[in-house]
C-alpha atoms as a PDB file:
ATOM      1  CA  MET A   1      -3.330 -16.283  -2.847  1.00  0.00           C
ATOM      2  CA  ILE A   2      -1.957 -13.249  -4.629  1.00  0.00           C
ATOM      3  CA  TYR A   3       1.432 -13.808  -6.252  1.00  0.00           C
ATOM      4  CA  ARG A   4       2.124 -10.384  -7.779  1.00  0.00           C
ATOM      5  CA  LEU A   5       0.311  -7.076  -7.781  1.00  0.00           C
ATOM      6  CA  THR A   6      -0.644  -6.285 -11.360  1.00  0.00           C
ATOM      7  CA  GLY A   7      -1.303  -2.952 -12.981  1.00  0.00           C
ATOM      8  CA  ASN A   8       0.138   0.450 -12.247  1.00  0.00           C
ATOM      9  CA  LYS A   9       1.207   0.745  -8.635  1.00  0.00           C
ATOM     10  CA  VAL A  10       3.134   2.848  -6.183  1.00  0.00           C
ATOM     11  CA  VAL A  11       5.237   1.480  -3.351  1.00  0.00           C
ATOM     12  CA  GLY A  12       6.071   3.152  -0.056  1.00  0.00           C
ATOM     13  CA  VAL A  13       4.318   5.332   2.474  1.00  0.00           C
ATOM     14  CA  LYS A  14       4.911   8.718   0.833  1.00  0.00           C
ATOM     15  CA  GLN A  15       3.877   7.566  -2.624  1.00  0.00           C
ATOM     16  CA  THR A  16       0.808   5.746  -1.264  1.00  0.00           C
ATOM     17  CA  VAL A  17      -0.365   8.818   0.681  1.00  0.00           C
ATOM     18  CA  LYS A  18       0.152  10.981  -2.408  1.00  0.00           C
ATOM     19  CA  ALA A  19      -1.875   8.582  -4.583  1.00  0.00           C
ATOM     20  CA  ILE A  20      -4.736   8.467  -2.055  1.00  0.00           C
ATOM     21  CA  LYS A  21      -4.838  12.258  -1.675  1.00  0.00           C
ATOM     22  CA  ASN A  22      -4.913  12.664  -5.472  1.00  0.00           C
ATOM     23  CA  ASN A  23      -7.771  10.129  -5.665  1.00  0.00           C
ATOM     24  CA  ARG A  24      -5.671   7.804  -7.827  1.00  0.00           C
ATOM     25  CA  ALA A  25      -5.488   4.784  -5.487  1.00  0.00           C
ATOM     26  CA  LYS A  26      -7.942   1.956  -6.111  1.00  0.00           C
ATOM     27  CA  THR A  27      -6.654  -0.591  -3.577  1.00  0.00           C
ATOM     28  CA  VAL A  28      -4.214  -0.009  -0.713  1.00  0.00           C
ATOM     29  CA  TYR A  29      -2.000  -2.759   0.701  1.00  0.00           C
ATOM     30  CA  ILE A  30      -0.566  -2.470   4.216  1.00  0.00           C
ATOM     31  CA  ALA A  31       1.920  -4.833   5.885  1.00  0.00           C
ATOM     32  CA  ARG A  32       0.687  -6.010   9.284  1.00  0.00           C
ATOM     33  CA  ASN A  33       4.181  -5.924  10.796  1.00  0.00           C
ATOM     34  CA  ALA A  34       4.917  -2.345   9.676  1.00  0.00           C
ATOM     35  CA  ASP A  35       5.581   0.158  12.457  1.00  0.00           C
ATOM     36  CA  ASP A  36       2.363   1.939  13.453  1.00  0.00           C
ATOM     37  CA  LYS A  37       4.101   5.325  13.451  1.00  0.00           C
ATOM     38  CA  LEU A  38       5.143   4.674   9.860  1.00  0.00           C
ATOM     39  CA  ILE A  39       1.713   3.763   8.502  1.00  0.00           C
ATOM     40  CA  GLN A  40      -0.323   6.148  10.652  1.00  0.00           C
ATOM     41  CA  SER A  41      -0.418   8.776   7.873  1.00  0.00           C
ATOM     42  CA  VAL A  42      -1.685   6.197   5.374  1.00  0.00           C
ATOM     43  CA  LYS A  43      -4.452   5.038   7.701  1.00  0.00           C
ATOM     44  CA  ALA A  44      -5.504   8.663   8.316  1.00  0.00           C
ATOM     45  CA  VAL A  45      -5.988   9.459   4.633  1.00  0.00           C
ATOM     46  CA  ILE A  46      -7.675   6.103   3.999  1.00  0.00           C
ATOM     47  CA  ASP A  47     -10.303   6.988   6.614  1.00  0.00           C
ATOM     48  CA  ASP A  48     -10.954  10.256   4.801  1.00  0.00           C
ATOM     49  CA  ASN A  49     -11.127   8.719   1.303  1.00  0.00           C
ATOM     50  CA  SER A  50     -12.539   5.186   1.863  1.00  0.00           C
ATOM     51  CA  GLN A  51     -10.236   3.055  -0.295  1.00  0.00           C
ATOM     52  CA  GLU A  52     -10.311  -0.740  -0.253  1.00  0.00           C
ATOM     53  CA  VAL A  53      -7.607  -1.933   2.167  1.00  0.00           C
ATOM     54  CA  ILE A  54      -5.908  -5.329   2.069  1.00  0.00           C
ATOM     55  CA  TYR A  55      -3.552  -6.376   4.841  1.00  0.00           C
ATOM     56  CA  VAL A  56      -0.502  -8.497   4.036  1.00  0.00           C
ATOM     57  CA  ASP A  57       1.279 -10.433   6.803  1.00  0.00           C
ATOM     58  CA  THR A  58       4.805  -9.049   6.423  1.00  0.00           C
ATOM     59  CA  MET A  59       6.690  -6.198   4.807  1.00  0.00           C
ATOM     60  CA  LYS A  60       8.913  -8.731   3.042  1.00  0.00           C
ATOM     61  CA  GLU A  61       5.874 -10.447   1.527  1.00  0.00           C
ATOM     62  CA  LEU A  62       4.433  -7.118   0.340  1.00  0.00           C
ATOM     63  CA  GLY A  63       7.786  -6.233  -1.223  1.00  0.00           C
ATOM     64  CA  LYS A  64       7.766  -9.526  -3.145  1.00  0.00           C
ATOM     65  CA  LEU A  65       4.201  -8.875  -4.308  1.00  0.00           C
ATOM     66  CA  CYS A  66       5.389  -5.522  -5.655  1.00  0.00           C
ATOM     67  CA  GLY A  67       8.323  -7.125  -7.445  1.00  0.00           C
ATOM     68  CA  ILE A  68      11.054  -5.527  -5.322  1.00  0.00           C
ATOM     69  CA  ASP A  69      13.827  -7.172  -3.305  1.00  0.00           C
ATOM     70  CA  VAL A  70      13.206  -5.206  -0.102  1.00  0.00           C
ATOM     71  CA  GLY A  71      10.270  -4.950   2.266  1.00  0.00           C
ATOM     72  CA  ALA A  72       7.467  -2.450   1.786  1.00  0.00           C
ATOM     73  CA  ALA A  73       5.187  -1.042   4.476  1.00  0.00           C
ATOM     74  CA  THR A  74       2.501   0.080   2.035  1.00  0.00           C
ATOM     75  CA  ALA A  75       1.628  -0.050  -1.644  1.00  0.00           C
ATOM     76  CA  ALA A  76      -1.320   1.010  -3.785  1.00  0.00           C
ATOM     77  CA  ILE A  77      -2.803  -0.135  -7.070  1.00  0.00           C
ATOM     78  CA  LEU A  78      -3.703   2.905  -9.143  1.00  0.00           C
ATOM     79  CA  LYS A  79      -6.956   3.532 -10.999  1.00  0.00           C
ATOM     80  CA  ASP A  80      -6.791   3.191 -14.765  1.00  0.00           C
END
C-alpha cells in the first residue's frame, strides 16, 4: 500500500497533462471515481506518450497520497 507519493509531483488535470506533454511525467495516477469528461484529456495524452498509469480508488484517497486536504482527479510523479 502506498501511503504518500514521494518526489517531485504535480496535482490536477491541467498540470498532469502539461507534464505529460513536456515529457516530464514518470508515473501518472488517476482516481477511478473521477468524472470521465474530466480525465479524458489525460487519458488521450497518456495513449500518445505511454506513461505508467496507476489507478487509485477515490479522488479523496489520491488527494491524501499527494498530501493535500481535498480530492484530486489526477497526479503525476515527475522525472528527476
